Every structure is written in C-alpha cells, then in structure tokens.
PDB file of N, CA and C in Angstrom:
ATOM      1  N   MET A   1      10.962   7.896  -7.059  1.00  0.00           N
ATOM      2  CA  MET A   1      10.083   7.615  -7.251  1.00  0.00           C
ATOM      3  C   MET A   1       9.635   7.283  -8.900  1.00  0.00           C
ATOM      4  N   ASN A   2       8.677   6.400  -8.554  1.00  0.00           N
ATOM      5  CA  ASN A   2       7.924   5.449  -9.649  1.00  0.00           C
ATOM      6  C   ASN A   2       6.746   6.261 -10.159  1.00  0.00           C
ATOM      7  N   GLN A   3       6.846   7.338 -10.806  1.00  0.00           N
ATOM      8  CA  GLN A   3       6.242   8.051 -11.613  1.00  0.00           C
ATOM      9  C   GLN A   3       4.233   7.408 -12.620  1.00  0.00           C
ATOM     10  N   ALA A   4       5.185   6.662 -12.711  1.00  0.00           N
ATOM     11  CA  ALA A   4       3.643   5.749 -13.576  1.00  0.00           C
ATOM     12  C   ALA A   4       2.028   5.713 -12.136  1.00  0.00           C
ATOM     13  N   ILE A   5       2.484   5.992 -10.870  1.00  0.00           N
ATOM     14  CA  ILE A   5       1.672   5.365  -9.928  1.00  0.00           C
ATOM     15  C   ILE A   5       1.336   6.733  -8.729  1.00  0.00           C
ATOM     16  N   LEU A   6       0.761   7.482  -8.856  1.00  0.00           N
ATOM     17  CA  LEU A   6       1.203   8.392  -7.373  1.00  0.00           C
ATOM     18  C   LEU A   6       0.772   7.889  -5.659  1.00  0.00           C
ATOM     19  N   PHE A   7       1.540   8.289  -4.849  1.00  0.00           N
ATOM     20  CA  PHE A   7       0.073   8.034  -3.830  1.00  0.00           C
ATOM     21  C   PHE A   7      -0.289   9.060  -3.548  1.00  0.00           C
ATOM     22  N   ASN A   8      -1.487   9.115  -2.841  1.00  0.00           N
ATOM     23  CA  ASN A   8      -2.231  10.237  -2.058  1.00  0.00           C
ATOM     24  C   ASN A   8      -1.196   9.534  -0.797  1.00  0.00           C
ATOM     25  N   ASP A   9      -1.121  10.921   0.281  1.00  0.00           N
ATOM     26  CA  ASP A   9      -0.754  11.569   1.418  1.00  0.00           C
ATOM     27  C   ASP A   9      -1.939  10.692   2.269  1.00  0.00           C
ATOM     28  N   ASP A  10      -2.780   9.568   1.979  1.00  0.00           N
ATOM     29  CA  ASP A  10      -3.976   9.533   3.038  1.00  0.00           C
ATOM     30  C   ASP A  10      -4.055   8.330   3.543  1.00  0.00           C
ATOM     31  N   LEU A  11      -2.877   7.829   3.470  1.00  0.00           N
ATOM     32  CA  LEU A  11      -2.483   6.526   4.690  1.00  0.00           C
ATOM     33  C   LEU A  11      -3.802   5.555   5.790  1.00  0.00           C
ATOM     34  N   GLN A  12      -4.172   5.361   5.910  1.00  0.00           N
ATOM     35  CA  GLN A  12      -5.093   5.236   7.104  1.00  0.00           C
ATOM     36  C   GLN A  12      -4.576   3.284   7.423  1.00  0.00           C
ATOM     37  N   TRP A  13      -4.317   3.129   8.993  1.00  0.00           N
ATOM     38  CA  TRP A  13      -4.474   2.153   9.433  1.00  0.00           C
ATOM     39  C   TRP A  13      -5.915   1.251  10.162  1.00  0.00           C
ATOM     40  N   HIS A  14      -6.072   0.528   9.721  1.00  0.00           N
ATOM     41  CA  HIS A  14      -7.435  -0.120  10.123  1.00  0.00           C
ATOM     42  C   HIS A  14      -6.591  -1.327  11.130  1.00  0.00           C
ATOM     43  N   CYS A  15      -7.215  -0.804  12.326  1.00  0.00           N
ATOM     44  CA  CYS A  15      -6.594  -2.299  14.144  1.00  0.00           C
ATOM     45  C   CYS A  15      -7.493  -3.248  13.741  1.00  0.00           C
ATOM     46  N   ALA A  16      -8.413  -3.520  13.448  1.00  0.00           N
ATOM     47  CA  ALA A  16      -8.841  -4.851  13.297  1.00  0.00           C
ATOM     48  C   ALA A  16      -9.123  -5.135  12.419  1.00  0.00           C
ATOM     49  N   SER A  17      -8.896  -5.530  10.731  1.00  0.00           N
ATOM     50  CA  SER A  17      -8.090  -5.709   9.794  1.00  0.00           C
ATOM     51  C   SER A  17      -7.241  -6.304   9.603  1.00  0.00           C
ATOM     52  N   GLU A  18      -6.400  -5.668  10.490  1.00  0.00           N
ATOM     53  CA  GLU A  18      -4.993  -5.308  10.416  1.00  0.00           C
ATOM     54  C   GLU A  18      -3.929  -5.407   9.205  1.00  0.00           C
ATOM     55  N   GLN A  19      -4.495  -4.373   8.363  1.00  0.00           N
ATOM     56  CA  GLN A  19      -4.468  -3.509   7.126  1.00  0.00           C
ATOM     57  C   GLN A  19      -4.371  -2.214   7.152  1.00  0.00           C
ATOM     58  N   LEU A  20      -4.125  -1.765   6.056  1.00  0.00           N
ATOM     59  CA  LEU A  20      -4.120  -0.171   5.444  1.00  0.00           C
ATOM     60  C   LEU A  20      -4.572  -0.320   3.767  1.00  0.00           C
ATOM     61  N   THR A  21      -4.914   1.065   4.671  1.00  0.00           N
ATOM     62  CA  THR A  21      -5.682   2.023   2.911  1.00  0.00           C
ATOM     63  C   THR A  21      -5.081   2.163   2.441  1.00  0.00           C
ATOM     64  N   GLN A  22      -5.005   3.010   0.927  1.00  0.00           N
ATOM     65  CA  GLN A  22      -4.391   4.011   0.439  1.00  0.00           C
ATOM     66  C   GLN A  22      -4.877   4.277  -0.625  1.00  0.00           C
ATOM     67  N   SER A  23      -4.907   5.470  -1.161  1.00  0.00           N
ATOM     68  CA  SER A  23      -5.532   5.711  -3.052  1.00  0.00           C
ATOM     69  C   SER A  23      -4.390   6.367  -3.163  1.00  0.00           C
ATOM     70  N   ALA A  24      -4.591   6.300  -4.683  1.00  0.00           N
ATOM     71  CA  ALA A  24      -3.307   6.614  -5.726  1.00  0.00           C
ATOM     72  C   ALA A  24      -3.967   7.133  -7.163  1.00  0.00           C
ATOM     73  N   LEU A  25      -3.453   7.573  -7.882  1.00  0.00           N
ATOM     74  CA  LEU A  25      -3.048   8.150  -9.526  1.00  0.00           C
ATOM     75  C   LEU A  25      -2.906   6.950 -10.086  1.00  0.00           C
ATOM     76  N   TYR A  26      -3.431   6.313 -10.710  1.00  0.00           N
ATOM     77  CA  TYR A  26      -3.017   5.569 -11.881  1.00  0.00           C
ATOM     78  C   TYR A  26      -3.771   5.904 -13.174  1.00  0.00           C
ATOM     79  N   SER A  27      -2.683   6.049 -14.364  1.00  0.00           N
ATOM     80  CA  SER A  27      -3.771   7.158 -15.298  1.00  0.00           C
ATOM     81  C   SER A  27      -4.709   7.419 -15.254  1.00  0.00           C
ATOM     82  N   GLY A  28      -4.529   8.028 -14.657  1.00  0.00           N
ATOM     83  CA  GLY A  28      -5.744   9.072 -14.741  1.00  0.00           C
ATOM     84  C   GLY A  28      -7.018   8.994 -13.427  1.00  0.00           C
ATOM     85  N   ALA A  29      -6.389   7.722 -13.149  1.00  0.00           N
ATOM     86  CA  ALA A  29      -7.989   6.608 -12.666  1.00  0.00           C
ATOM     87  C   ALA A  29      -7.966   7.196 -11.572  1.00  0.00           C
ATOM     88  N   ILE A  30      -8.482   6.845 -10.372  1.00  0.00           N
ATOM     89  CA  ILE A  30      -7.459   6.901  -8.363  1.00  0.00           C
ATOM     90  C   ILE A  30      -8.067   5.610  -8.094  1.00  0.00           C
ATOM     91  N   ILE A  31      -7.017   4.679  -7.457  1.00  0.00           N
ATOM     92  CA  ILE A  31      -7.163   3.575  -7.231  1.00  0.00           C
ATOM     93  C   ILE A  31      -6.852   3.637  -5.384  1.00  0.00           C
ATOM     94  N   ARG A  32      -7.365   2.012  -5.280  1.00  0.00           N
ATOM     95  CA  ARG A  32      -7.223   2.302  -3.987  1.00  0.00           C
ATOM     96  C   ARG A  32      -6.348   0.845  -3.495  1.00  0.00           C
ATOM     97  N   CYS A  33      -5.048   1.236  -2.715  1.00  0.00           N
ATOM     98  CA  CYS A  33      -4.228   0.081  -2.440  1.00  0.00           C
ATOM     99  C   CYS A  33      -4.415  -0.894  -0.858  1.00  0.00           C
ATOM    100  N   VAL A  34      -4.949  -1.962  -0.824  1.00  0.00           N
ATOM    101  CA  VAL A  34      -4.759  -2.411   0.386  1.00  0.00           C
ATOM    102  C   VAL A  34      -3.852  -3.586   0.652  1.00  0.00           C
ATOM    103  N   ILE A  35      -2.689  -2.701   1.589  1.00  0.00           N
ATOM    104  CA  ILE A  35      -1.789  -2.956   2.434  1.00  0.00           C
ATOM    105  C   ILE A  35      -1.846  -4.253   3.425  1.00  0.00           C
ATOM    106  N   HIS A  36      -2.064  -5.313   3.890  1.00  0.00           N
ATOM    107  CA  HIS A  36      -2.036  -5.946   4.893  1.00  0.00           C
ATOM    108  C   HIS A  36      -0.104  -6.307   5.569  1.00  0.00           C
ATOM    109  N   LEU A  37      -1.056  -6.534   6.594  1.00  0.00           N
ATOM    110  CA  LEU A  37      -0.592  -6.447   8.032  1.00  0.00           C
ATOM    111  C   LEU A  37       1.079  -7.791   7.063  1.00  0.00           C
ATOM    112  N   SER A  38       0.655  -8.604   6.844  1.00  0.00           N
ATOM    113  CA  SER A  38       1.663  -9.841   6.336  1.00  0.00           C
ATOM    114  C   SER A  38       2.814  -9.733   4.903  1.00  0.00           C
ATOM    115  N   TYR A  39       1.580  -8.158   4.733  1.00  0.00           N
ATOM    116  CA  TYR A  39       3.216  -7.921   3.266  1.00  0.00           C
ATOM    117  C   TYR A  39       4.172  -7.046   4.069  1.00  0.00           C
ATOM    118  N   LEU A  40       3.651  -6.317   5.381  1.00  0.00           N
ATOM    119  CA  LEU A  40       4.641  -5.570   6.375  1.00  0.00           C
ATOM    120  C   LEU A  40       5.223  -6.245   6.574  1.00  0.00           C
ATOM    121  N   LYS A  41       4.436  -6.809   6.959  1.00  0.00           N
ATOM    122  CA  LYS A  41       5.653  -8.381   8.115  1.00  0.00           C
ATOM    123  C   LYS A  41       6.685  -8.999   7.132  1.00  0.00           C
ATOM    124  N   SER A  42       6.178  -9.213   5.659  1.00  0.00           N
ATOM    125  CA  SER A  42       7.228  -9.833   4.979  1.00  0.00           C
ATOM    126  C   SER A  42       8.617  -8.809   4.401  1.00  0.00           C
ATOM    127  N   LYS A  43       8.429  -6.819   4.873  1.00  0.00           N
ATOM    128  CA  LYS A  43       9.408  -5.904   4.751  1.00  0.00           C
ATOM    129  C   LYS A  43       9.690  -6.088   5.643  1.00  0.00           C
ATOM    130  N   GLY A  44      10.019  -7.085   6.597  1.00  0.00           N
ATOM    131  CA  GLY A  44      10.449  -6.942   7.913  1.00  0.00           C
ATOM    132  C   GLY A  44      10.712  -6.175   9.387  1.00  0.00           C
ATOM    133  N   PHE A  45       8.634  -5.523   8.767  1.00  0.00           N
ATOM    134  CA  PHE A  45       8.243  -4.534  10.216  1.00  0.00           C
ATOM    135  C   PHE A  45       7.951  -5.833  11.152  1.00  0.00           C
ATOM    136  N   ASP A  46       8.557  -5.354  12.259  1.00  0.00           N
ATOM    137  CA  ASP A  46       7.939  -6.255  13.733  1.00  0.00           C
ATOM    138  C   ASP A  46       8.386  -5.516  14.979  1.00  0.00           C
ATOM    139  N   GLY A  47       7.158  -4.065  14.254  1.00  0.00           N
ATOM    140  CA  GLY A  47       7.125  -2.937  15.416  1.00  0.00           C
ATOM    141  C   GLY A  47       5.624  -3.802  16.600  1.00  0.00           C
ATOM    142  N   ASP A  48       5.049  -2.586  17.248  1.00  0.00           N
ATOM    143  CA  ASP A  48       3.914  -2.417  17.367  1.00  0.00           C
ATOM    144  C   ASP A  48       3.204  -2.088  16.800  1.00  0.00           C
ATOM    145  N   LEU A  49       1.854  -2.857  16.966  1.00  0.00           N
ATOM    146  CA  LEU A  49       0.417  -2.515  15.948  1.00  0.00           C
ATOM    147  C   LEU A  49       0.077  -0.843  15.910  1.00  0.00           C
ATOM    148  N   ASP A  50       0.876  -0.306  16.419  1.00  0.00           N
ATOM    149  CA  ASP A  50       0.643   1.357  16.766  1.00  0.00           C
ATOM    150  C   ASP A  50       0.608   2.559  15.314  1.00  0.00           C
ATOM    151  N   GLU A  51      -0.164   2.869  15.447  1.00  0.00           N
ATOM    152  CA  GLU A  51      -0.966   3.682  13.723  1.00  0.00           C
ATOM    153  C   GLU A  51       0.881   4.750  13.507  1.00  0.00           C
ATOM    154  N   ASN A  52       1.318   4.814  14.710  1.00  0.00           N
ATOM    155  CA  ASN A  52       2.536   6.370  14.419  1.00  0.00           C
ATOM    156  C   ASN A  52       3.990   4.805  14.251  1.00  0.00           C
ATOM    157  N   VAL A  53       3.752   4.025  14.889  1.00  0.00           N
ATOM    158  CA  VAL A  53       4.877   2.927  14.392  1.00  0.00           C
ATOM    159  C   VAL A  53       4.947   2.625  12.608  1.00  0.00           C
ATOM    160  N   ILE A  54       3.307   1.958  12.649  1.00  0.00           N
ATOM    161  CA  ILE A  54       3.321   1.332  11.283  1.00  0.00           C
ATOM    162  C   ILE A  54       3.347   3.070   9.765  1.00  0.00           C
ATOM    163  N   HIS A  55       3.086   3.694  10.055  1.00  0.00           N
ATOM    164  CA  HIS A  55       2.986   5.152   8.977  1.00  0.00           C
ATOM    165  C   HIS A  55       4.939   4.733   9.122  1.00  0.00           C
ATOM    166  N   ASP A  56       5.189   5.417  10.097  1.00  0.00           N
ATOM    167  CA  ASP A  56       6.630   5.281  10.088  1.00  0.00           C
ATOM    168  C   ASP A  56       7.284   4.182   8.993  1.00  0.00           C
ATOM    169  N   PHE A  57       6.996   3.232   9.526  1.00  0.00           N
ATOM    170  CA  PHE A  57       7.431   2.095   9.006  1.00  0.00           C
ATOM    171  C   PHE A  57       6.945   1.875   6.744  1.00  0.00           C
ATOM    172  N   CYS A  58       6.220   2.622   6.926  1.00  0.00           N
ATOM    173  CA  CYS A  58       5.480   2.675   5.449  1.00  0.00           C
ATOM    174  C   CYS A  58       6.584   3.933   4.831  1.00  0.00           C
ATOM    175  N   ALA A  59       6.621   4.558   5.921  1.00  0.00           N
ATOM    176  CA  ALA A  59       8.134   5.917   5.296  1.00  0.00           C
ATOM    177  C   ALA A  59       9.114   5.132   4.313  1.00  0.00           C
ATOM    178  N   LEU A  60       9.694   4.759   5.515  1.00  0.00           N
ATOM    179  CA  LEU A  60      10.618   3.445   5.249  1.00  0.00           C
ATOM    180  C   LEU A  60      11.089   3.106   3.855  1.00  0.00           C
ATOM    181  N   ILE A  61       9.778   2.064   3.852  1.00  0.00           N
ATOM    182  CA  ILE A  61       9.511   1.407   2.426  1.00  0.00           C
ATOM    183  C   ILE A  61       8.633   2.310   1.373  1.00  0.00           C
ATOM    184  N   SER A  62       8.660   2.906   1.175  1.00  0.00           N
ATOM    185  CA  SER A  62       7.876   3.176   0.578  1.00  0.00           C
ATOM    186  C   SER A  62       8.129   3.272  -1.072  1.00  0.00           C
ATOM    187  N   PHE A  63       9.636   2.990  -1.214  1.00  0.00           N
ATOM    188  CA  PHE A  63       9.673   2.939  -2.973  1.00  0.00           C
ATOM    189  C   PHE A  63       9.023   1.563  -2.874  1.00  0.00           C
ATOM    190  N   ASP A  64       9.338   0.465  -2.297  1.00  0.00           N
ATOM    191  CA  ASP A  64       9.143  -0.578  -1.646  1.00  0.00           C
ATOM    192  C   ASP A  64       7.113  -0.997  -2.860  1.00  0.00           C
ATOM    193  N   ILE A  65       6.583  -0.670  -1.605  1.00  0.00           N
ATOM    194  CA  ILE A  65       5.017  -0.224  -1.929  1.00  0.00           C
ATOM    195  C   ILE A  65       4.934   0.315  -2.879  1.00  0.00           C
ATOM    196  N   GLU A  66       5.510   1.776  -3.712  1.00  0.00           N
ATOM    197  CA  GLU A  66       4.905   1.343  -4.818  1.00  0.00           C
ATOM    198  C   GLU A  66       5.441   0.796  -6.248  1.00  0.00           C
ATOM    199  N   GLU A  67       6.877   0.007  -5.854  1.00  0.00           N
ATOM    200  CA  GLU A  67       6.848  -1.260  -7.398  1.00  0.00           C
ATOM    201  C   GLU A  67       5.648  -1.804  -6.967  1.00  0.00           C
ATOM    202  N   ASP A  68       5.364  -2.400  -5.496  1.00  0.00           N
ATOM    203  CA  ASP A  68       5.204  -4.037  -6.010  1.00  0.00           C
ATOM    204  C   ASP A  68       3.877  -3.269  -6.179  1.00  0.00           C
ATOM    205  N   ALA A  69       3.141  -2.128  -5.920  1.00  0.00           N
ATOM    206  CA  ALA A  69       1.934  -2.722  -6.379  1.00  0.00           C
ATOM    207  C   ALA A  69       1.965  -1.502  -7.962  1.00  0.00           C
ATOM    208  N   GLN A  70       2.670  -1.486  -8.934  1.00  0.00           N
ATOM    209  CA  GLN A  70       3.119  -1.178 -10.142  1.00  0.00           C
ATOM    210  C   GLN A  70       3.003  -2.891 -10.688  1.00  0.00           C
ATOM    211  N   GLN A  71       3.612  -3.222  -9.664  1.00  0.00           N
ATOM    212  CA  GLN A  71       3.456  -4.720 -10.124  1.00  0.00           C
ATOM    213  C   GLN A  71       2.396  -5.623 -10.100  1.00  0.00           C
ATOM    214  N   ALA A  72       1.750  -4.893  -9.413  1.00  0.00           N
ATOM    215  CA  ALA A  72       0.177  -6.254  -9.331  1.00  0.00           C
ATOM    216  C   ALA A  72      -0.772  -5.725 -10.237  1.00  0.00           C
ATOM    217  N   ILE A  73      -0.798  -3.698 -10.851  1.00  0.00           N
ATOM    218  CA  ILE A  73      -1.309  -3.548 -11.848  1.00  0.00           C
ATOM    219  C   ILE A  73      -0.461  -4.482 -13.181  1.00  0.00           C
ATOM    220  N   GLU A  74       1.269  -3.906 -13.349  1.00  0.00           N
ATOM    221  CA  GLU A  74       1.282  -4.644 -14.742  1.00  0.00           C
ATOM    222  C   GLU A  74       0.164  -6.512 -14.867  1.00  0.00           C
ATOM    223  N   ASP A  75       0.769  -6.963 -13.639  1.00  0.00           N
ATOM    224  CA  ASP A  75       0.119  -8.756 -13.584  1.00  0.00           C
ATOM    225  C   ASP A  75      -1.334  -8.728 -13.389  1.00  0.00           C
ATOM    226  N   GLU A  76      -2.081  -7.696 -14.171  1.00  0.00           N
ATOM    227  CA  GLU A  76      -3.175  -7.167 -13.879  1.00  0.00           C
ATOM    228  C   GLU A  76      -4.153  -7.901 -12.730  1.00  0.00           C
ATOM    229  N   LEU A  77      -3.666  -7.864 -11.845  1.00  0.00           N
ATOM    230  CA  LEU A  77      -3.940  -8.435 -10.547  1.00  0.00           C
ATOM    231  C   LEU A  77      -5.437  -6.865  -9.668  1.00  0.00           C
ATOM    232  N   ILE A  78      -5.226  -6.012 -10.356  1.00  0.00           N
ATOM    233  CA  ILE A  78      -6.385  -4.763  -9.958  1.00  0.00           C
ATOM    234  C   ILE A  78      -7.747  -5.617 -10.285  1.00  0.00           C
ATOM    235  N   SER A  79      -8.886  -5.054  -9.157  1.00  0.00           N
ATOM    236  CA  SER A  79      -9.837  -5.320  -9.428  1.00  0.00           C
ATOM    237  C   SER A  79     -10.974  -4.961 -10.556  1.00  0.00           C
ATOM    238  N   ASP A  80     -11.706  -5.506 -10.799  1.00  0.00           N
ATOM    239  CA  ASP A  80     -12.586  -4.492 -11.239  1.00  0.00           C
ATOM    240  C   ASP A  80     -13.396  -2.781 -10.521  1.00  0.00           C
ATOM    241  N   GLU A  81     -12.901  -2.847  -9.285  1.00  0.00           N
ATOM    242  CA  GLU A  81     -13.926  -1.629  -8.397  1.00  0.00           C
ATOM    243  C   GLU A  81     -12.212  -1.323  -8.234  1.00  0.00           C
ATOM    244  N   GLY A  82     -11.262  -1.685  -9.280  1.00  0.00           N
ATOM    245  CA  GLY A  82      -9.872  -0.726  -8.668  1.00  0.00           C
ATOM    246  C   GLY A  82      -8.879  -0.684  -7.290  1.00  0.00           C
ATOM    247  N   VAL A  83      -9.107  -1.679  -6.954  1.00  0.00           N
ATOM    248  CA  VAL A  83      -8.634  -2.224  -5.673  1.00  0.00           C
ATOM    249  C   VAL A  83      -7.132  -3.036  -5.875  1.00  0.00           C
ATOM    250  N   ILE A  84      -5.877  -2.777  -5.093  1.00  0.00           N
ATOM    251  CA  ILE A  84      -5.117  -3.516  -5.301  1.00  0.00           C
ATOM    252  C   ILE A  84      -4.560  -3.975  -4.409  1.00  0.00           C
ATOM    253  N   GLU A  85      -4.195  -5.518  -3.807  1.00  0.00           N
ATOM    254  CA  GLU A  85      -4.005  -5.894  -2.978  1.00  0.00           C
ATOM    255  C   GLU A  85      -2.424  -6.613  -2.796  1.00  0.00           C
ATOM    256  N   LEU A  86      -1.731  -5.761  -1.752  1.00  0.00           N
ATOM    257  CA  LEU A  86      -0.538  -6.729  -0.846  1.00  0.00           C
ATOM    258  C   LEU A  86      -0.725  -7.140  -0.006  1.00  0.00           C
ATOM    259  N   ASN A  87       0.197  -8.514  -0.127  1.00  0.00           N
ATOM    260  CA  ASN A  87      -0.080  -9.191   0.837  1.00  0.00           C
ATOM    261  C   ASN A  87       1.678 -10.253   1.376  1.00  0.00           C
TER     262      ASN A  87
END
C-alpha cells in the first residue's frame, strides 16, 4: 500500500461519462482522482459496465491505481483544482 496517497472508500461510477471518481488524501490535502474507462481497459478490464463489476475490478487493481495516481502527482499532472486523471 502506498502511504503517500490514501484513497477514501467513495468510489463512484458515472455511466454517462464512463469514468470513476474517488477522493484521496495527499500531503494533507483532499484531491479527486478521475479514472477513465480507457485506463481500466489498459489494465485488462473487459467486463460489463455494471457498477459492481467495475468496483470489483478496481479492488483487484487498487495498488496499480495508487501507484499511477502517485506517479501523476510526481509528474505534476494534478490540476489547480486538485484533480488527477488516469487515462
């Protein structure tokens, strides 16, 4: 588990935009992570666009999500609004 970024348990699937959102704590600040369907597919997702299926898959790749979010922050890809996007 990556201790630099701590994800909250508030993962939400947005069907219309085909993306997930989740908040996290990073260096004392609350940030928002947007996880696009293309990111999930790049990690091997090929299931139904059902919220439970997507949540289960995200649980399986949670370490990848944390590492990639951390890398996005280190690469200064966090917006002024405190949002990182995984594509």
